[in-house]
Protein backbone atom coordinates (compact mmCIF):
# COMPACT_ATOMS: atom_id res chain seq x y z
CA UNK A 1 0.00 0.00 0.00
CA UNK A 2 1.36 3.41 -1.00
CA UNK A 3 -1.09 5.46 1.08
CA UNK A 4 1.10 6.18 4.10
CA UNK A 5 3.58 7.84 1.75
CA UNK A 6 1.33 9.70 -0.67
CA UNK A 7 -0.97 12.50 0.47
CA UNK A 8 -1.86 13.88 -2.97
CA UNK A 9 -2.03 12.47 -6.46
CA UNK A 10 -2.88 14.68 -9.44
CA UNK A 11 -3.54 12.38 -12.37
CA UNK A 12 -5.14 13.69 -15.49
CA UNK A 13 -8.09 11.76 -16.84
CA UNK A 14 -5.78 10.60 -19.65
CA UNK A 15 -3.17 9.44 -17.09
CA UNK A 16 -5.77 7.30 -15.32
CA UNK A 17 -6.96 5.87 -18.63
CA UNK A 18 -3.39 4.96 -19.60
CA UNK A 19 -2.70 3.38 -16.19
CA UNK A 20 -5.95 1.49 -15.61
CA UNK A 21 -7.51 1.17 -19.08
CA UNK A 22 -10.75 2.62 -20.40
CA UNK A 23 -13.15 3.22 -17.50
CA UNK A 24 -15.14 6.00 -15.86
CA UNK A 25 -13.87 8.49 -13.33
CA UNK A 26 -15.74 6.91 -10.38
CA UNK A 27 -13.83 3.67 -10.95
CA UNK A 28 -10.55 5.55 -11.36
CA UNK A 29 -11.19 7.12 -7.94
CA UNK A 30 -11.72 3.64 -6.46
CA UNK A 31 -8.47 2.42 -7.99
CA UNK A 32 -6.48 5.29 -6.49
CA UNK A 33 -8.21 4.82 -3.14
CA UNK A 34 -7.23 1.14 -3.17
CA UNK A 35 -3.62 2.35 -3.17
CA UNK A 36 -4.42 4.36 -0.04
CA UNK A 37 -4.02 7.78 -1.65
CA UNK A 38 -5.77 10.34 0.55
CA UNK A 39 -6.34 13.27 -1.84
CA UNK A 40 -7.00 12.69 -5.52
CA UNK A 41 -7.11 15.70 -7.82
CA UNK A 42 -8.12 14.72 -11.35
CA UNK A 43 -7.27 17.36 -13.90
CA UNK A 44 -9.83 17.29 -16.67
CA UNK A 45 -8.47 19.77 -19.23
CA UNK A 46 -11.17 22.16 -20.40
CA UNK A 47 -13.49 20.73 -17.71
CA UNK A 48 -11.28 21.86 -14.82
CA UNK A 49 -10.60 19.42 -11.98
CA UNK A 50 -12.30 16.99 -9.63
CA UNK A 51 -11.11 16.77 -6.02
CA UNK A 52 -11.87 13.63 -4.08
CA UNK A 53 -11.01 12.75 -0.49
CA UNK A 54 -12.93 11.65 2.60
CA UNK A 55 -14.17 15.22 3.16
CA UNK A 56 -14.73 16.58 -0.36
CA UNK A 57 -15.87 15.56 -3.77
CA UNK A 58 -15.93 18.77 -5.67
CA UNK A 59 -15.78 19.71 -9.34
CA UNK A 60 -13.91 22.93 -10.00
CA UNK A 61 -14.40 24.53 -13.41
CA UNK A 62 -11.46 25.82 -15.39
CA UNK A 63 -10.49 29.48 -15.22
CA UNK A 64 -8.95 29.36 -18.71
CA UNK A 65 -10.43 31.76 -21.23
CA UNK A 66 -7.55 31.93 -23.70
CA UNK A 67 -5.43 28.96 -24.76
CA UNK A 68 -2.26 29.58 -26.76
CA UNK A 69 -0.29 26.49 -25.70
CA UNK A 70 -0.98 23.70 -23.20
CA UNK A 71 2.70 22.88 -22.69
CA UNK A 72 3.47 23.20 -18.99
CA UNK A 73 -0.15 23.54 -17.86
CA UNK A 74 0.05 20.45 -15.62
CA UNK A 75 3.22 21.78 -14.00
CA UNK A 76 1.46 25.10 -13.45
CA UNK A 77 -1.40 23.30 -11.68
CA UNK A 78 1.09 21.54 -9.39
CA UNK A 79 2.87 24.85 -8.72
CA UNK A 80 -0.37 26.47 -7.65
CA UNK A 81 -1.37 23.52 -5.48
CA UNK A 82 2.01 23.47 -3.72
CA UNK A 83 2.00 27.24 -3.29
CA UNK A 84 -1.51 27.18 -1.86
CA UNK A 85 -0.83 24.35 0.58
CA UNK A 86 2.44 25.93 1.74
CA UNK A 87 0.49 29.13 2.42
CA UNK A 88 -2.23 27.42 4.47
CA UNK A 89 -4.96 27.20 1.83
CA UNK A 90 -7.16 24.12 2.07
CA UNK A 91 -7.09 21.51 -0.69
CA UNK A 92 -10.01 23.10 -2.59
CA UNK A 93 -8.51 26.59 -2.48
CA UNK A 94 -5.07 25.23 -3.39
CA UNK A 95 -6.54 23.38 -6.37
CA UNK A 96 -8.34 26.53 -7.49
CA UNK A 97 -5.02 28.36 -7.24
CA UNK A 98 -3.44 25.62 -9.36
CA UNK A 99 -6.13 26.04 -12.00
CA UNK A 100 -5.61 29.81 -11.89
CA UNK A 101 -1.85 29.34 -12.41
CA UNK A 102 -2.64 27.09 -15.38
CA UNK A 103 -5.11 29.62 -16.82
CA UNK A 104 -2.37 32.25 -16.72
CA UNK A 105 0.24 29.88 -18.24
CA UNK A 106 -2.09 28.85 -21.07
CA UNK A 107 -1.98 32.42 -22.42
CA UNK A 108 1.70 31.97 -23.40
CA UNK A 109 3.64 29.87 -25.88
CA UNK A 110 6.10 27.38 -24.39
CA UNK A 111 6.52 25.71 -21.03
CA UNK A 112 7.50 28.82 -19.06
CA UNK A 113 5.28 31.86 -18.57
CA UNK A 114 5.79 35.14 -16.70
CA UNK A 115 3.28 34.72 -13.88
CA UNK A 116 2.36 37.39 -11.37
CA UNK A 117 2.81 36.74 -7.66
CA UNK A 118 0.59 34.03 -6.25
CA UNK A 119 -1.21 36.59 -4.08
CA UNK A 120 -2.10 38.67 -7.15
CA UNK A 121 -3.32 35.57 -9.00
CA UNK A 122 -5.34 34.51 -5.94
CA UNK A 123 -6.98 37.95 -5.82
CA UNK A 124 -7.52 38.13 -9.59
CA UNK A 125 -9.42 34.81 -9.59
CA UNK A 126 -11.19 35.55 -6.27
CA UNK A 127 -9.89 32.47 -4.49
């Protein structure tokens, strides 16, 4: 069991499909739970993200309005999640911050984008 060592997993829907085969998201959640993972954050591209743990099951819509390049968007989500958690946001707020980071990154070509401070992004997206 991996659970004691993994607090958060952020698979995309495509990741789960490639790992477990063609199935629906409810079954993918069960599969990750069987590994003991406490917080599962499915990134769903244009459909945002789904957070699942013992306390929450919440769909969060994307903040993206302009998409130039998706390269680095997953890394931007992780960056926002880490930043939020390190600054005492709960898992839902941290995931929203991750989606906001991604929305900002998607406006630029390439993997690296000039993002504002996390506090400015948090305020801009009313998180």
